[in-house]
Protein backbone atom coordinates (compact mmCIF):
# COMPACT_ATOMS: atom_id res chain seq x y z
CA UNK A 1 26.72 97.64 -91.26
CA UNK A 2 29.12 94.98 -91.77
CA UNK A 3 32.11 94.90 -89.96
CA UNK A 4 35.29 95.86 -92.31
CA UNK A 5 38.13 95.67 -89.97
CA UNK A 6 38.30 93.31 -86.66
CA UNK A 7 41.27 93.66 -84.26
CA UNK A 8 41.13 90.96 -81.18
CA UNK A 9 43.62 91.00 -78.39
CA UNK A 10 46.37 92.64 -80.27
CA UNK A 11 49.99 92.72 -78.73
CA UNK A 12 52.71 94.55 -79.96
CA UNK A 13 56.40 94.95 -78.37
CA UNK A 14 59.55 96.69 -79.58
CA UNK A 15 61.89 94.44 -77.68
CA UNK A 16 61.03 94.20 -74.01
CA UNK A 17 58.81 97.62 -74.45
CA UNK A 18 55.09 96.39 -74.62
CA UNK A 19 53.52 99.06 -76.74
CA UNK A 20 50.29 97.39 -77.22
CA UNK A 21 48.74 95.08 -74.46
CA UNK A 22 45.76 93.34 -76.03
CA UNK A 23 43.46 95.83 -77.62
CA UNK A 24 40.28 94.94 -79.50
CA UNK A 25 38.13 97.06 -81.76
CA UNK A 26 36.19 97.23 -84.91
CA UNK A 27 35.51 99.28 -88.03
CA UNK A 28 32.28 99.12 -89.74
CA UNK A 29 31.91 99.35 -93.36
CA UNK A 30 31.30 103.21 -94.33
CA UNK A 31 32.27 104.51 -91.14
CA UNK A 32 35.08 107.08 -89.71
CA UNK A 33 36.65 105.80 -86.74
CA UNK A 34 39.39 107.56 -84.68
CA UNK A 35 41.87 106.59 -82.25
CA UNK A 36 42.94 109.27 -79.95
CA UNK A 37 45.20 109.43 -77.06
CA UNK A 38 48.46 110.99 -75.64
CA UNK A 39 51.88 110.43 -77.40
CA UNK A 40 53.22 106.75 -76.67
CA UNK A 41 49.62 105.42 -76.04
CA UNK A 42 50.03 103.35 -79.13
CA UNK A 43 48.15 104.46 -81.86
CA UNK A 44 50.47 104.47 -84.55
CA UNK A 45 51.77 101.41 -83.52
CA UNK A 46 48.39 99.79 -83.84
CA UNK A 47 48.30 100.96 -87.51
CA UNK A 48 51.49 99.66 -88.43
CA UNK A 49 50.37 96.24 -87.29
CA UNK A 50 47.11 96.44 -89.25
CA UNK A 51 49.20 97.08 -92.44
CA UNK A 52 52.16 94.72 -91.67
CA UNK A 53 54.59 97.50 -91.20
CA UNK A 54 55.16 96.12 -87.57
CA UNK A 55 54.87 92.43 -86.60
CA UNK A 56 52.58 91.65 -83.96
CA UNK A 57 53.32 89.40 -80.90
CA UNK A 58 49.43 87.53 -80.44
CA UNK A 59 46.20 88.47 -81.72
CA UNK A 60 44.35 88.59 -84.87
CA UNK A 61 43.55 91.24 -87.67
CA UNK A 62 40.62 90.58 -90.13
CA UNK A 63 39.81 92.61 -93.19
CA UNK A 64 36.82 91.89 -95.11
CA UNK A 65 36.78 88.57 -93.68
CA UNK A 66 40.29 87.43 -94.41
CA UNK A 67 43.08 87.17 -91.80
CA UNK A 68 45.89 89.48 -92.64
CA UNK A 69 47.69 89.17 -89.13
CA UNK A 70 50.93 87.83 -90.81
CA UNK A 71 50.08 88.88 -94.38
CA UNK A 72 52.75 90.78 -96.55
CA UNK A 73 52.19 94.56 -96.84
CA UNK A 74 51.69 94.16 -100.36
CA UNK A 75 49.07 91.80 -100.47
CA UNK A 76 47.09 93.73 -97.76
CA UNK A 77 47.30 96.92 -100.26
CA UNK A 78 45.96 94.54 -102.74
CA UNK A 79 42.91 93.74 -100.68
CA UNK A 80 42.28 97.43 -100.45
CA UNK A 81 43.57 98.53 -97.37
CA UNK A 82 46.05 101.80 -97.74
CA UNK A 83 47.89 103.62 -95.22
CA UNK A 84 48.88 107.52 -94.86
CA UNK A 85 51.79 107.56 -92.90
CA UNK A 86 52.84 110.17 -90.40
CA UNK A 87 55.20 112.59 -91.73
CA UNK A 88 53.84 112.37 -95.39
CA UNK A 89 56.87 110.42 -96.81
CA UNK A 90 56.26 111.45 -100.47
CA UNK A 91 58.99 110.51 -102.75
CA UNK A 92 60.62 113.90 -102.76
CA UNK A 93 62.51 113.46 -105.97
CA UNK A 94 59.56 112.37 -108.19
CA UNK A 95 56.83 114.62 -109.65
CA UNK A 96 53.24 115.00 -108.22
CA UNK A 97 52.38 112.81 -111.22
CA UNK A 98 54.63 110.17 -110.84
CA UNK A 99 53.98 109.78 -106.82
CA UNK A 100 50.63 109.17 -107.86
CA UNK A 101 51.57 106.33 -110.26
CA UNK A 102 53.48 104.89 -107.56
CA UNK A 103 50.13 104.56 -105.77
CA UNK A 104 48.70 102.78 -108.45
CA UNK A 105 51.33 100.30 -108.99
CA UNK A 106 49.54 97.24 -107.21
CA UNK A 107 46.58 97.36 -109.59
CA UNK A 108 45.88 95.25 -112.44
CA UNK A 109 42.87 96.96 -113.83
CA UNK A 110 42.35 98.93 -116.90
CA UNK A 111 44.22 102.09 -117.70
CA UNK A 112 40.83 104.19 -118.17
CA UNK A 113 39.95 102.71 -114.82
CA UNK A 114 42.91 104.20 -113.29
CA UNK A 115 42.68 107.44 -115.31
CA UNK A 116 39.16 107.70 -113.67
CA UNK A 117 40.95 107.59 -110.16
CA UNK A 118 43.43 110.52 -111.34
CA UNK A 119 40.40 112.39 -112.61
CA UNK A 120 38.79 111.90 -109.04
CA UNK A 121 41.83 112.60 -106.93
CA UNK A 122 42.44 115.98 -108.86
CA UNK A 123 38.68 116.67 -108.28
CA UNK A 124 39.15 116.50 -104.71
CA UNK A 125 42.80 117.90 -104.54
CA UNK A 126 42.68 120.48 -107.11
CA UNK A 127 45.93 121.96 -106.00
CA UNK A 128 47.86 118.79 -107.26
CA UNK A 129 46.62 119.24 -110.55
CA UNK A 130 47.92 122.62 -110.66
CA UNK A 131 51.40 121.11 -109.45
CA UNK A 132 51.29 117.80 -111.17
CA UNK A 133 54.62 118.27 -112.80
CA UNK A 134 56.35 119.77 -109.85
CA UNK A 135 59.00 117.58 -107.75
CA UNK A 136 57.14 116.71 -104.26
CA UNK A 137 60.15 117.68 -102.33
CA UNK A 138 59.29 121.43 -103.33
CA UNK A 139 55.87 121.31 -102.15
CA UNK A 140 54.39 122.73 -98.81
CA UNK A 141 53.92 120.77 -95.85
CA UNK A 142 49.92 120.78 -96.48
CA UNK A 143 50.66 119.94 -100.11
CA UNK A 144 52.50 117.05 -99.38
CA UNK A 145 49.96 116.09 -96.97
CA UNK A 146 47.43 116.16 -99.88
CA UNK A 147 49.87 114.33 -102.30
CA UNK A 148 50.17 111.30 -99.62
CA UNK A 149 46.61 110.87 -99.35
CA UNK A 150 46.26 111.26 -103.27
CA UNK A 151 48.57 108.52 -103.63
CA UNK A 152 46.74 106.24 -101.03
CA UNK A 153 43.54 106.87 -102.74
CA UNK A 154 45.18 105.91 -106.13
CA UNK A 155 45.59 102.24 -104.86
CA UNK A 156 41.66 102.41 -104.89
CA UNK A 157 41.23 101.61 -101.30
CA UNK A 158 38.24 100.41 -99.39
CA UNK A 159 39.56 101.41 -96.19
CA UNK A 160 42.13 104.43 -95.65
CA UNK A 161 44.36 104.37 -92.70
CA UNK A 162 45.43 107.95 -91.64
CA UNK A 163 48.03 108.52 -89.34
CA UNK A 164 48.28 112.07 -87.76
CA UNK A 165 47.10 114.21 -91.06
CA UNK A 166 47.18 117.56 -89.14
CA UNK A 167 50.72 117.14 -87.84
CA UNK A 168 52.76 120.34 -88.48
CA UNK A 169 49.83 122.24 -90.49
CA UNK A 170 48.26 125.64 -90.13
CA UNK A 171 44.85 125.70 -88.48
CA UNK A 172 43.53 126.78 -92.30
CA UNK A 173 45.13 123.49 -93.81
CA UNK A 174 44.30 121.32 -91.13
CA UNK A 175 40.40 122.39 -91.98
CA UNK A 176 41.17 121.82 -95.66
CA UNK A 177 42.81 118.26 -94.76
CA UNK A 178 39.76 116.99 -92.85
CA UNK A 179 37.17 118.59 -95.44
CA UNK A 180 39.02 116.13 -97.83
CA UNK A 181 38.96 113.16 -95.19
CA UNK A 182 34.94 113.79 -95.13
CA UNK A 183 34.63 113.94 -99.10
CA UNK A 184 36.67 110.51 -99.32
CA UNK A 185 34.33 108.98 -96.89
CA UNK A 186 31.16 110.27 -98.65
CA UNK A 187 32.58 108.32 -101.70
CA UNK A 188 32.45 105.22 -100.08
CA UNK A 189 35.91 104.81 -98.34
CA UNK A 190 35.93 103.58 -94.86
CA UNK A 191 38.34 105.55 -92.59
CA UNK A 192 40.57 104.40 -89.47
CA UNK A 193 42.04 107.99 -88.51
CA UNK A 194 44.75 108.37 -85.74
CA UNK A 195 44.98 112.24 -84.67
CA UNK A 196 46.30 114.26 -81.94
CA UNK A 197 44.00 117.03 -82.68
CA UNK A 198 41.32 115.06 -80.66
CA UNK A 199 38.55 118.06 -81.16
CA UNK A 200 38.77 117.62 -85.02
CA UNK A 201 38.91 114.06 -85.08
CA UNK A 202 35.81 113.55 -82.82
CA UNK A 203 33.90 116.17 -84.90
CA UNK A 204 34.17 114.09 -87.85
CA UNK A 205 33.87 110.41 -86.58
CA UNK A 206 31.38 107.96 -86.25
CA UNK A 207 32.99 106.16 -83.38
CA UNK A 208 36.26 106.58 -81.05
CA UNK A 209 38.28 104.64 -78.92
CA UNK A 210 40.56 106.00 -76.22
CA UNK A 211 44.04 104.62 -75.88
CA UNK A 212 46.10 104.78 -73.11
CA UNK A 213 49.29 103.20 -72.54
CA UNK A 214 48.66 100.42 -74.90
CA UNK A 215 45.31 99.68 -73.71
CA UNK A 216 41.80 100.91 -74.97
CA UNK A 217 40.53 103.06 -71.83
CA UNK A 218 37.43 104.26 -73.37
CA UNK A 219 35.30 103.59 -76.58
CA UNK A 220 31.65 104.91 -77.88
CA UNK A 221 29.98 107.10 -80.11
CA UNK A 222 32.27 110.14 -81.07
CA UNK A 223 29.83 112.86 -80.00
CA UNK A 224 29.18 110.89 -76.46
CA UNK A 225 33.06 110.86 -76.06
CA UNK A 226 33.50 114.40 -77.13
CA UNK A 227 31.07 115.52 -74.14
CA UNK A 228 32.68 112.96 -71.59
CA UNK A 229 34.41 115.09 -68.62
CA UNK A 230 37.20 112.79 -68.46
CA UNK A 231 38.03 113.03 -72.24
CA UNK A 232 37.34 116.46 -72.31
CA UNK A 233 39.94 117.47 -69.66
CA UNK A 234 42.68 115.08 -70.82
CA UNK A 235 42.14 115.65 -74.77
CA UNK A 236 40.18 118.41 -75.51
CA UNK A 237 41.66 121.06 -72.91
CA UNK A 238 38.45 122.03 -71.25
């Protein structure tokens, strides 16, 4: 498989605080790769640096062969890299349909092609179709998470960055969200997943990187890491 995302010696700071201290990792086309680690490990900061929501101090980020290290966020989206942010951040005053339309705002292909993707999103997320005229702010937390994923998918991404998709959800809804992630990946979308629920993340991922205080501490096949004694004690509670 070809490397879709390459991060090399990435450094990110918030003032005097060094949040990322020179991490390097790859994501190959078609994979699900997860970043796991404790709060403050640098997982969300890494995603923000990739999608240009946070400026990096040093290092490089390459997506599909293009250097996106200093590229503007809207241009990165046009290349096919979309992020589902932590905390959903849907447009509460807009309807479900209008939120999805916002996801497609960078696209220049035909209305027919965009409609195909509406149909695909509603096939994956039938609950959104039922609530398409409902204001997003009145949805449950799980439904808002589905909407955030659907909105990102409407940009027709080649890669999806997911930041804590299970946060605040019931176990039943967490299973549903992870089912959706699998389906999206099977359709050809590469996934980079940041997730506190390390067990669920390792269950669906091909490979994983363990971040600790801004550094990559371990990396490897997700199954191998799930059986690693150190990982099990620190992140799986066993």
